[in-house]
Amino acid sequence: STGGSDGTMPSSQEASGVMKAGVELISLIRRLASDAFGVVEEPGADLPLMQAGMTSHSATLLRSLISQELPQLRARGVTGLAKLPPTLALDQPTVRDIAEYIM
């Protein structure tokens, strides 16, 4: 969101809510990436996923794992997306990029 509900700058409470949702989303995607890549350590938010061990198979798995979370994310107002593109993890090269795309 780029502004408040009336088109003005967001209130500090709205901005705080967006930041909190962003931090939670990044944490979720890091955990799902770790699961998809079969590694114990979660990738950093700005580490290119290819450097974190992503393969074409794990990119597909990551998209699937994130897709399973979309209904809950929509219910919490984090995203309006109903589905993710098949090339999500290739088009959005870091966890932070994926989170920003989803938000």
PDB file of N, CA and C in Angstrom:
ATOM      1  N   SER A   1       0.836  -1.179   0.000  1.00  0.00           N
ATOM      2  CA  SER A   1       0.000   0.000   0.000  1.00  0.00           C
ATOM      3  C   SER A   1       0.880   1.242   0.000  1.00  0.00           C
ATOM      4  N   THR A   2       0.519   2.206  -0.819  1.00  0.00           N
ATOM      5  CA  THR A   2       1.329   3.415  -0.900  1.00  0.00           C
ATOM      6  C   THR A   2       0.732   4.563  -0.117  1.00  0.00           C
ATOM      7  N   GLY A   3      -0.457   4.383   0.406  1.00  0.00           N
ATOM      8  CA  GLY A   3      -1.070   5.463   1.154  1.00  0.00           C
ATOM      9  C   GLY A   3      -2.111   4.938   2.099  1.00  0.00           C
ATOM     10  N   GLY A   4      -2.701   5.852   2.836  1.00  0.00           N
ATOM     11  CA  GLY A   4      -3.757   5.484   3.760  1.00  0.00           C
ATOM     12  C   GLY A   4      -5.018   5.128   2.999  1.00  0.00           C
ATOM     13  N   SER A   5      -6.043   4.715   3.713  1.00  0.00           N
ATOM     14  CA  SER A   5      -7.276   4.284   3.069  1.00  0.00           C
ATOM     15  C   SER A   5      -7.970   5.433   2.340  1.00  0.00           C
ATOM     16  N   ASP A   6      -7.653   6.674   2.697  1.00  0.00           N
ATOM     17  CA  ASP A   6      -8.268   7.814   2.027  1.00  0.00           C
ATOM     18  C   ASP A   6      -7.330   8.470   1.012  1.00  0.00           C
ATOM     19  N   GLY A   7      -6.250   7.768   0.645  1.00  0.00           N
ATOM     20  CA  GLY A   7      -5.330   8.283  -0.359  1.00  0.00           C
ATOM     21  C   GLY A   7      -4.229   9.156   0.205  1.00  0.00           C
ATOM     22  N   THR A   8      -4.225   9.395   1.509  1.00  0.00           N
ATOM     23  CA  THR A   8      -3.171  10.191   2.124  1.00  0.00           C
ATOM     24  C   THR A   8      -2.016   9.280   2.512  1.00  0.00           C
ATOM     25  N   MET A   9      -1.011   9.858   3.105  1.00  0.00           N
ATOM     26  CA  MET A   9       0.110   9.046   3.588  1.00  0.00           C
ATOM     27  C   MET A   9      -0.415   8.103   4.664  1.00  0.00           C
ATOM     28  N   PRO A  10       0.136   6.889   4.729  1.00  0.00           N
ATOM     29  CA  PRO A  10      -0.345   5.957   5.747  1.00  0.00           C
ATOM     30  C   PRO A  10      -0.015   6.457   7.151  1.00  0.00           C
ATOM     31  N   SER A  11      -0.888   6.137   8.095  1.00  0.00           N
ATOM     32  CA  SER A  11      -0.618   6.497   9.483  1.00  0.00           C
ATOM     33  C   SER A  11       0.540   5.654   9.986  1.00  0.00           C
ATOM     34  N   SER A  12       1.119   6.061  11.091  1.00  0.00           N
ATOM     35  CA  SER A  12       2.230   5.283  11.634  1.00  0.00           C
ATOM     36  C   SER A  12       1.755   3.890  12.028  1.00  0.00           C
ATOM     37  N   GLN A  13       0.494   3.773  12.458  1.00  0.00           N
ATOM     38  CA  GLN A  13      -0.045   2.460  12.817  1.00  0.00           C
ATOM     39  C   GLN A  13      -0.173   1.584  11.568  1.00  0.00           C
ATOM     40  N   GLU A  14      -0.667   2.156  10.458  1.00  0.00           N
ATOM     41  CA  GLU A  14      -0.764   1.399   9.208  1.00  0.00           C
ATOM     42  C   GLU A  14       0.621   0.993   8.730  1.00  0.00           C
ATOM     43  N   ALA A  15       1.559   1.925   8.765  1.00  0.00           N
ATOM     44  CA  ALA A  15       2.922   1.634   8.318  1.00  0.00           C
ATOM     45  C   ALA A  15       3.547   0.550   9.188  1.00  0.00           C
ATOM     46  N   SER A  16       3.310   0.614  10.491  1.00  0.00           N
ATOM     47  CA  SER A  16       3.837  -0.391  11.409  1.00  0.00           C
ATOM     48  C   SER A  16       3.242  -1.761  11.100  1.00  0.00           C
ATOM     49  N   GLY A  17       1.954  -1.802  10.789  1.00  0.00           N
ATOM     50  CA  GLY A  17       1.298  -3.062  10.444  1.00  0.00           C
ATOM     51  C   GLY A  17       1.859  -3.662   9.171  1.00  0.00           C
ATOM     52  N   VAL A  18       2.123  -2.813   8.179  1.00  0.00           N
ATOM     53  CA  VAL A  18       2.705  -3.278   6.920  1.00  0.00           C
ATOM     54  C   VAL A  18       4.110  -3.809   7.156  1.00  0.00           C
ATOM     55  N   MET A  19       4.898  -3.088   7.957  1.00  0.00           N
ATOM     56  CA  MET A  19       6.265  -3.547   8.250  1.00  0.00           C
ATOM     57  C   MET A  19       6.243  -4.885   8.979  1.00  0.00           C
ATOM     58  N   LYS A  20       5.344  -5.024   9.950  1.00  0.00           N
ATOM     59  CA  LYS A  20       5.248  -6.278  10.710  1.00  0.00           C
ATOM     60  C   LYS A  20       4.859  -7.421   9.782  1.00  0.00           C
ATOM     61  N   ALA A  21       3.882  -7.179   8.909  1.00  0.00           N
ATOM     62  CA  ALA A  21       3.461  -8.210   7.958  1.00  0.00           C
ATOM     63  C   ALA A  21       4.616  -8.578   7.037  1.00  0.00           C
ATOM     64  N   GLY A  22       5.398  -7.587   6.616  1.00  0.00           N
ATOM     65  CA  GLY A  22       6.546  -7.848   5.750  1.00  0.00           C
ATOM     66  C   GLY A  22       7.600  -8.693   6.431  1.00  0.00           C
ATOM     67  N   VAL A  23       7.895  -8.378   7.683  1.00  0.00           N
ATOM     68  CA  VAL A  23       8.885  -9.149   8.450  1.00  0.00           C
ATOM     69  C   VAL A  23       8.399 -10.584   8.631  1.00  0.00           C
ATOM     70  N   GLU A  24       7.116 -10.750   8.968  1.00  0.00           N
ATOM     71  CA  GLU A  24       6.555 -12.091   9.149  1.00  0.00           C
ATOM     72  C   GLU A  24       6.568 -12.870   7.840  1.00  0.00           C
ATOM     73  N   LEU A  25       6.266 -12.198   6.732  1.00  0.00           N
ATOM     74  CA  LEU A  25       6.251 -12.858   5.429  1.00  0.00           C
ATOM     75  C   LEU A  25       7.657 -13.295   5.037  1.00  0.00           C
ATOM     76  N   ILE A  26       8.645 -12.442   5.255  1.00  0.00           N
ATOM     77  CA  ILE A  26      10.035 -12.808   4.958  1.00  0.00           C
ATOM     78  C   ILE A  26      10.445 -14.020   5.792  1.00  0.00           C
ATOM     79  N   SER A  27      10.082 -14.028   7.054  1.00  0.00           N
ATOM     80  CA  SER A  27      10.408 -15.157   7.929  1.00  0.00           C
ATOM     81  C   SER A  27       9.762 -16.445   7.418  1.00  0.00           C
ATOM     82  N   LEU A  28       8.503 -16.356   7.021  1.00  0.00           N
ATOM     83  CA  LEU A  28       7.791 -17.514   6.481  1.00  0.00           C
ATOM     84  C   LEU A  28       8.471 -18.025   5.215  1.00  0.00           C
ATOM     85  N   ILE A  29       8.799 -17.133   4.288  1.00  0.00           N
ATOM     86  CA  ILE A  29       9.414 -17.547   3.023  1.00  0.00           C
ATOM     87  C   ILE A  29      10.796 -18.137   3.266  1.00  0.00           C
ATOM     88  N   ARG A  30      11.551 -17.579   4.196  1.00  0.00           N
ATOM     89  CA  ARG A  30      12.874 -18.143   4.527  1.00  0.00           C
ATOM     90  C   ARG A  30      12.725 -19.580   5.024  1.00  0.00           C
ATOM     91  N   ARG A  31      11.732 -19.808   5.893  1.00  0.00           N
ATOM     92  CA  ARG A  31      11.505 -21.160   6.423  1.00  0.00           C
ATOM     93  C   ARG A  31      11.082 -22.116   5.308  1.00  0.00           C
ATOM     94  N   LEU A  32      10.168 -21.662   4.438  1.00  0.00           N
ATOM     95  CA  LEU A  32       9.705 -22.507   3.340  1.00  0.00           C
ATOM     96  C   LEU A  32      10.833 -22.789   2.352  1.00  0.00           C
ATOM     97  N   ALA A  33      11.698 -21.798   2.105  1.00  0.00           N
ATOM     98  CA  ALA A  33      12.840 -22.004   1.205  1.00  0.00           C
ATOM     99  C   ALA A  33      13.781 -23.051   1.779  1.00  0.00           C
ATOM    100  N   SER A  34      14.037 -22.983   3.064  1.00  0.00           N
ATOM    101  CA  SER A  34      14.886 -23.975   3.727  1.00  0.00           C
ATOM    102  C   SER A  34      14.298 -25.372   3.546  1.00  0.00           C
ATOM    103  N   ASP A  35      12.989 -25.496   3.735  1.00  0.00           N
ATOM    104  CA  ASP A  35      12.316 -26.784   3.541  1.00  0.00           C
ATOM    105  C   ASP A  35      12.431 -27.246   2.088  1.00  0.00           C
ATOM    106  N   ALA A  36      12.165 -26.337   1.151  1.00  0.00           N
ATOM    107  CA  ALA A  36      12.186 -26.689  -0.270  1.00  0.00           C
ATOM    108  C   ALA A  36      13.579 -27.088  -0.742  1.00  0.00           C
ATOM    109  N   PHE A  37      14.597 -26.424  -0.207  1.00  0.00           N
ATOM    110  CA  PHE A  37      15.969 -26.685  -0.651  1.00  0.00           C
ATOM    111  C   PHE A  37      16.597 -27.850   0.102  1.00  0.00           C
ATOM    112  N   GLY A  38      15.926 -28.328   1.146  1.00  0.00           N
ATOM    113  CA  GLY A  38      16.463 -29.439   1.922  1.00  0.00           C
ATOM    114  C   GLY A  38      17.696 -29.074   2.725  1.00  0.00           C
ATOM    115  N   VAL A  39      17.727 -27.834   3.219  1.00  0.00           N
ATOM    116  CA  VAL A  39      18.859 -27.372   4.021  1.00  0.00           C
ATOM    117  C   VAL A  39      18.358 -26.959   5.401  1.00  0.00           C
ATOM    118  N   VAL A  40      19.240 -27.016   6.377  1.00  0.00           N
ATOM    119  CA  VAL A  40      18.872 -26.660   7.747  1.00  0.00           C
ATOM    120  C   VAL A  40      18.825 -25.148   7.919  1.00  0.00           C
ATOM    121  N   GLU A  41      19.829 -24.465   7.380  1.00  0.00           N
ATOM    122  CA  GLU A  41      19.935 -23.015   7.559  1.00  0.00           C
ATOM    123  C   GLU A  41      19.018 -22.280   6.584  1.00  0.00           C
ATOM    124  N   GLU A  42      18.235 -21.346   7.113  1.00  0.00           N
ATOM    125  CA  GLU A  42      17.359 -20.539   6.265  1.00  0.00           C
ATOM    126  C   GLU A  42      18.198 -19.540   5.475  1.00  0.00           C
ATOM    127  N   PRO A  43      17.879 -19.338   4.186  1.00  0.00           N
ATOM    128  CA  PRO A  43      18.640 -18.358   3.403  1.00  0.00           C
ATOM    129  C   PRO A  43      18.367 -16.941   3.889  1.00  0.00           C
ATOM    130  N   GLY A  44      19.363 -16.082   3.785  1.00  0.00           N
ATOM    131  CA  GLY A  44      19.188 -14.677   4.131  1.00  0.00           C
ATOM    132  C   GLY A  44      18.179 -14.032   3.201  1.00  0.00           C
ATOM    133  N   ALA A  45      17.544 -12.972   3.664  1.00  0.00           N
ATOM    134  CA  ALA A  45      16.496 -12.310   2.895  1.00  0.00           C
ATOM    135  C   ALA A  45      17.004 -11.752   1.572  1.00  0.00           C
ATOM    136  N   ASP A  46      18.291 -11.378   1.513  1.00  0.00           N
ATOM    137  CA  ASP A  46      18.831 -10.756   0.305  1.00  0.00           C
ATOM    138  C   ASP A  46      19.816 -11.645  -0.449  1.00  0.00           C
ATOM    139  N   LEU A  47      19.988 -12.885   0.001  1.00  0.00           N
ATOM    140  CA  LEU A  47      20.877 -13.822  -0.685  1.00  0.00           C
ATOM    141  C   LEU A  47      20.164 -14.359  -1.923  1.00  0.00           C
ATOM    142  N   PRO A  48      20.801 -14.290  -3.098  1.00  0.00           N
ATOM    143  CA  PRO A  48      20.171 -14.890  -4.278  1.00  0.00           C
ATOM    144  C   PRO A  48      19.864 -16.369  -4.010  1.00  0.00           C
ATOM    145  N   LEU A  49      18.637 -16.763  -4.296  1.00  0.00           N
ATOM    146  CA  LEU A  49      18.209 -18.120  -3.985  1.00  0.00           C
ATOM    147  C   LEU A  49      19.041 -19.172  -4.711  1.00  0.00           C
ATOM    148  N   MET A  50      19.553 -18.845  -5.889  1.00  0.00           N
ATOM    149  CA  MET A  50      20.414 -19.792  -6.605  1.00  0.00           C
ATOM    150  C   MET A  50      21.679 -20.070  -5.794  1.00  0.00           C
ATOM    151  N   GLN A  51      22.190 -19.065  -5.097  1.00  0.00           N
ATOM    152  CA  GLN A  51      23.373 -19.260  -4.250  1.00  0.00           C
ATOM    153  C   GLN A  51      23.029 -20.040  -2.983  1.00  0.00           C
ATOM    154  N   ALA A  52      21.766 -20.019  -2.598  1.00  0.00           N
ATOM    155  CA  ALA A  52      21.319 -20.724  -1.392  1.00  0.00           C
ATOM    156  C   ALA A  52      21.032 -22.198  -1.673  1.00  0.00           C
ATOM    157  N   GLY A  53      21.190 -22.611  -2.929  1.00  0.00           N
ATOM    158  CA  GLY A  53      21.002 -24.017  -3.271  1.00  0.00           C
ATOM    159  C   GLY A  53      19.743 -24.331  -4.055  1.00  0.00           C
ATOM    160  N   MET A  54      19.054 -23.314  -4.568  1.00  0.00           N
ATOM    161  CA  MET A  54      17.832 -23.552  -5.318  1.00  0.00           C
ATOM    162  C   MET A  54      18.128 -24.235  -6.646  1.00  0.00           C
ATOM    163  N   THR A  55      17.337 -25.246  -6.956  1.00  0.00           N
ATOM    164  CA  THR A  55      17.368 -25.914  -8.259  1.00  0.00           C
ATOM    165  C   THR A  55      16.009 -25.670  -8.915  1.00  0.00           C
ATOM    166  N   SER A  56      15.848 -26.090 -10.154  1.00  0.00           N
ATOM    167  CA  SER A  56      14.544 -25.907 -10.796  1.00  0.00           C
ATOM    168  C   SER A  56      13.468 -26.685 -10.036  1.00  0.00           C
ATOM    169  N   HIS A  57      13.821 -27.861  -9.538  1.00  0.00           N
ATOM    170  CA  HIS A  57      12.852 -28.651  -8.763  1.00  0.00           C
ATOM    171  C   HIS A  57      12.485 -27.948  -7.458  1.00  0.00           C
ATOM    172  N   SER A  58      13.492 -27.453  -6.732  1.00  0.00           N
ATOM    173  CA  SER A  58      13.186 -26.799  -5.451  1.00  0.00           C
ATOM    174  C   SER A  58      12.492 -25.451  -5.661  1.00  0.00           C
ATOM    175  N   ALA A  59      12.719 -24.797  -6.804  1.00  0.00           N
ATOM    176  CA  ALA A  59      12.003 -23.553  -7.111  1.00  0.00           C
ATOM    177  C   ALA A  59      10.511 -23.846  -7.268  1.00  0.00           C
ATOM    178  N   THR A  60      10.201 -24.953  -7.940  1.00  0.00           N
ATOM    179  CA  THR A  60       8.810 -25.366  -8.112  1.00  0.00           C
ATOM    180  C   THR A  60       8.194 -25.730  -6.763  1.00  0.00           C
ATOM    181  N   LEU A  61       8.959 -26.438  -5.947  1.00  0.00           N
ATOM    182  CA  LEU A  61       8.481 -26.819  -4.617  1.00  0.00           C
ATOM    183  C   LEU A  61       8.250 -25.584  -3.743  1.00  0.00           C
ATOM    184  N   LEU A  62       9.165 -24.620  -3.795  1.00  0.00           N
ATOM    185  CA  LEU A  62       9.011 -23.388  -3.010  1.00  0.00           C
ATOM    186  C   LEU A  62       7.730 -22.664  -3.407  1.00  0.00           C
ATOM    187  N   ARG A  63       7.480 -22.536  -4.699  1.00  0.00           N
ATOM    188  CA  ARG A  63       6.258 -21.888  -5.178  1.00  0.00           C
ATOM    189  C   ARG A  63       5.032 -22.622  -4.644  1.00  0.00           C
ATOM    190  N   SER A  64       5.073 -23.945  -4.671  1.00  0.00           N
ATOM    191  CA  SER A  64       3.961 -24.749  -4.175  1.00  0.00           C
ATOM    192  C   SER A  64       3.741 -24.527  -2.676  1.00  0.00           C
ATOM    193  N   LEU A  65       4.824 -24.513  -1.908  1.00  0.00           N
ATOM    194  CA  LEU A  65       4.715 -24.294  -0.460  1.00  0.00           C
ATOM    195  C   LEU A  65       4.150 -22.907  -0.146  1.00  0.00           C
ATOM    196  N   ILE A  66       4.615 -21.898  -0.879  1.00  0.00           N
ATOM    197  CA  ILE A  66       4.101 -20.534  -0.664  1.00  0.00           C
ATOM    198  C   ILE A  66       2.628 -20.471  -1.072  1.00  0.00           C
ATOM    199  N   SER A  67       2.283 -21.133  -2.184  1.00  0.00           N
ATOM    200  CA  SER A  67       0.892 -21.136  -2.660  1.00  0.00           C
ATOM    201  C   SER A  67      -0.056 -21.703  -1.612  1.00  0.00           C
ATOM    202  N   GLN A  68       0.407 -22.700  -0.868  1.00  0.00           N
ATOM    203  CA  GLN A  68      -0.423 -23.297   0.186  1.00  0.00           C
ATOM    204  C   GLN A  68      -0.709 -22.294   1.300  1.00  0.00           C
ATOM    205  N   GLU A  69       0.140 -21.288   1.438  1.00  0.00           N
ATOM    206  CA  GLU A  69      -0.028 -20.269   2.485  1.00  0.00           C
ATOM    207  C   GLU A  69      -0.886 -19.087   2.028  1.00  0.00           C
ATOM    208  N   LEU A  70      -1.151 -18.973   0.712  1.00  0.00           N
ATOM    209  CA  LEU A  70      -1.866 -17.800   0.193  1.00  0.00           C
ATOM    210  C   LEU A  70      -3.234 -17.579   0.832  1.00  0.00           C
ATOM    211  N   PRO A  71      -4.050 -18.631   1.047  1.00  0.00           N
ATOM    212  CA  PRO A  71      -5.361 -18.357   1.666  1.00  0.00           C
ATOM    213  C   PRO A  71      -5.241 -17.671   3.031  1.00  0.00           C
ATOM    214  N   GLN A  72      -4.296 -18.118   3.850  1.00  0.00           N
ATOM    215  CA  GLN A  72      -4.108 -17.495   5.160  1.00  0.00           C
ATOM    216  C   GLN A  72      -3.572 -16.073   5.014  1.00  0.00           C
ATOM    217  N   LEU A  73      -2.668 -15.867   4.064  1.00  0.00           N
ATOM    218  CA  LEU A  73      -2.113 -14.528   3.841  1.00  0.00           C
ATOM    219  C   LEU A  73      -3.194 -13.572   3.350  1.00  0.00           C
ATOM    220  N   ARG A  74      -4.076 -14.060   2.463  1.00  0.00           N
ATOM    221  CA  ARG A  74      -5.191 -13.227   1.992  1.00  0.00           C
ATOM    222  C   ARG A  74      -6.128 -12.904   3.152  1.00  0.00           C
ATOM    223  N   ALA A  75      -6.426 -13.899   3.987  1.00  0.00           N
ATOM    224  CA  ALA A  75      -7.344 -13.699   5.116  1.00  0.00           C
ATOM    225  C   ALA A  75      -6.803 -12.650   6.089  1.00  0.00           C
ATOM    226  N   ARG A  76      -5.485 -12.571   6.219  1.00  0.00           N
ATOM    227  CA  ARG A  76      -4.864 -11.597   7.124  1.00  0.00           C
ATOM    228  C   ARG A  76      -4.624 -10.251   6.439  1.00  0.00           C
ATOM    229  N   GLY A  77      -4.982 -10.136   5.156  1.00  0.00           N
ATOM    230  CA  GLY A  77      -4.814  -8.880   4.446  1.00  0.00           C
ATOM    231  C   GLY A  77      -3.399  -8.598   3.986  1.00  0.00           C
ATOM    232  N   VAL A  78      -2.547  -9.629   3.979  1.00  0.00           N
ATOM    233  CA  VAL A  78      -1.152  -9.443   3.564  1.00  0.00           C
ATOM    234  C   VAL A  78      -1.053  -9.350   2.047  1.00  0.00           C
ATOM    235  N   THR A  79      -1.932 -10.066   1.340  1.00  0.00           N
ATOM    236  CA  THR A  79      -1.883 -10.091  -0.115  1.00  0.00           C
ATOM    237  C   THR A  79      -3.286 -10.181  -0.682  1.00  0.00           C
ATOM    238  N   GLY A  80      -3.408  -9.801  -1.934  1.00  0.00           N
ATOM    239  CA  GLY A  80      -4.657  -9.983  -2.652  1.00  0.00           C
ATOM    240  C   GLY A  80      -4.510 -11.053  -3.723  1.00  0.00           C
ATOM    241  N   LEU A  81      -3.313 -11.638  -3.810  1.00  0.00           N
ATOM    242  CA  LEU A  81      -3.044 -12.628  -4.847  1.00  0.00           C
ATOM    243  C   LEU A  81      -3.816 -13.916  -4.599  1.00  0.00           C
ATOM    244  N   ALA A  82      -4.358 -14.486  -5.678  1.00  0.00           N
ATOM    245  CA  ALA A  82      -5.046 -15.771  -5.591  1.00  0.00           C
ATOM    246  C   ALA A  82      -4.122 -16.905  -6.010  1.00  0.00           C
ATOM    247  N   LYS A  83      -3.154 -16.594  -6.871  1.00  0.00           N
ATOM    248  CA  LYS A  83      -2.202 -17.620  -7.297  1.00  0.00           C
ATOM    249  C   LYS A  83      -0.881 -16.971  -7.660  1.00  0.00           C
ATOM    250  N   LEU A  84       0.141 -17.796  -7.721  1.00  0.00           N
ATOM    251  CA  LEU A  84       1.492 -17.315  -8.015  1.00  0.00           C
ATOM    252  C   LEU A  84       1.930 -17.822  -9.378  1.00  0.00           C
ATOM    253  N   PRO A  85       2.743 -17.047 -10.096  1.00  0.00           N
ATOM    254  CA  PRO A  85       3.219 -17.505 -11.401  1.00  0.00           C
ATOM    255  C   PRO A  85       4.170 -18.698 -11.242  1.00  0.00           C
ATOM    256  N   PRO A  86       4.186 -19.607 -12.225  1.00  0.00           N
ATOM    257  CA  PRO A  86       5.073 -20.775 -12.148  1.00  0.00           C
ATOM    258  C   PRO A  86       6.546 -20.407 -12.006  1.00  0.00           C
ATOM    259  N   THR A  87       6.928 -19.250 -12.510  1.00  0.00           N
ATOM    260  CA  THR A  87       8.336 -18.834 -12.497  1.00  0.00           C
ATOM    261  C   THR A  87       8.660 -17.895 -11.336  1.00  0.00           C
ATOM    262  N   LEU A  88       7.830 -17.897 -10.296  1.00  0.00           N
ATOM    263  CA  LEU A  88       7.989 -16.968  -9.173  1.00  0.00           C
ATOM    264  C   LEU A  88       9.420 -16.893  -8.657  1.00  0.00           C
ATOM    265  N   ALA A  89      10.005 -18.030  -8.283  1.00  0.00           N
ATOM    266  CA  ALA A  89      11.332 -18.032  -7.651  1.00  0.00           C
ATOM    267  C   ALA A  89      12.446 -17.711  -8.639  1.00  0.00           C
ATOM    268  N   LEU A  90      12.174 -17.829  -9.925  1.00  0.00           N
ATOM    269  CA  LEU A  90      13.178 -17.456 -10.928  1.00  0.00           C
ATOM    270  C   LEU A  90      13.082 -15.964 -11.251  1.00  0.00           C
ATOM    271  N   ASP A  91      11.858 -15.450 -11.268  1.00  0.00           N
ATOM    272  CA  ASP A  91      11.641 -14.028 -11.568  1.00  0.00           C
ATOM    273  C   ASP A  91      11.960 -13.125 -10.376  1.00  0.00           C
ATOM    274  N   GLN A  92      11.812 -13.652  -9.177  1.00  0.00           N
ATOM    275  CA  GLN A  92      12.066 -12.902  -7.938  1.00  0.00           C
ATOM    276  C   GLN A  92      13.240 -13.595  -7.252  1.00  0.00           C
ATOM    277  N   PRO A  93      14.469 -13.137  -7.462  1.00  0.00           N
ATOM    278  CA  PRO A  93      15.656 -13.917  -7.092  1.00  0.00           C
ATOM    279  C   PRO A  93      16.011 -14.009  -5.610  1.00  0.00           C
ATOM    280  N   THR A  94      15.343 -13.247  -4.735  1.00  0.00           N
ATOM    281  CA  THR A  94      15.660 -13.332  -3.303  1.00  0.00           C
ATOM    282  C   THR A  94      14.364 -13.488  -2.505  1.00  0.00           C
ATOM    283  N   VAL A  95      14.496 -13.883  -1.261  1.00  0.00           N
ATOM    284  CA  VAL A  95      13.339 -13.985  -0.366  1.00  0.00           C
ATOM    285  C   VAL A  95      12.639 -12.633  -0.269  1.00  0.00           C
ATOM    286  N   ARG A  96      13.417 -11.565  -0.118  1.00  0.00           N
ATOM    287  CA  ARG A  96      12.822 -10.226  -0.004  1.00  0.00           C
ATOM    288  C   ARG A  96      12.049  -9.868  -1.276  1.00  0.00           C
ATOM    289  N   ASP A  97      12.599 -10.207  -2.448  1.00  0.00           N
ATOM    290  CA  ASP A  97      11.902  -9.928  -3.711  1.00  0.00           C
ATOM    291  C   ASP A  97      10.569 -10.678  -3.776  1.00  0.00           C
ATOM    292  N   ILE A  98      10.574 -11.939  -3.343  1.00  0.00           N
ATOM    293  CA  ILE A  98       9.334 -12.722  -3.338  1.00  0.00           C
ATOM    294  C   ILE A  98       8.322 -12.086  -2.390  1.00  0.00           C
ATOM    295  N   ALA A  99       8.767 -11.700  -1.204  1.00  0.00           N
ATOM    296  CA  ALA A  99       7.867 -11.074  -0.224  1.00  0.00           C
ATOM    297  C   ALA A  99       7.270  -9.785  -0.783  1.00  0.00           C
ATOM    298  N   GLU A 100       8.098  -8.961  -1.411  1.00  0.00           N
ATOM    299  CA  GLU A 100       7.599  -7.701  -1.979  1.00  0.00           C
ATOM    300  C   GLU A 100       6.604  -7.967  -3.097  1.00  0.00           C
ATOM    301  N   TYR A 101       6.850  -8.994  -3.904  1.00  0.00           N
ATOM    302  CA  TYR A 101       5.920  -9.356  -4.974  1.00  0.00           C
ATOM    303  C   TYR A 101       4.567  -9.765  -4.380  1.00  0.00           C
ATOM    304  N   ILE A 102       4.614 -10.573  -3.337  1.00  0.00           N
ATOM    305  CA  ILE A 102       3.380 -11.070  -2.723  1.00  0.00           C
ATOM    306  C   ILE A 102       2.599  -9.949  -2.048  1.00  0.00           C
ATOM    307  N   MET A 103       3.312  -9.010  -1.405  1.00  0.00           N
ATOM    308  CA  MET A 103       2.631  -7.919  -0.704  1.00  0.00           C
ATOM    309  C   MET A 103       2.096  -6.906  -1.695  1.00  0.00           C
TER     310      MET A 103
END
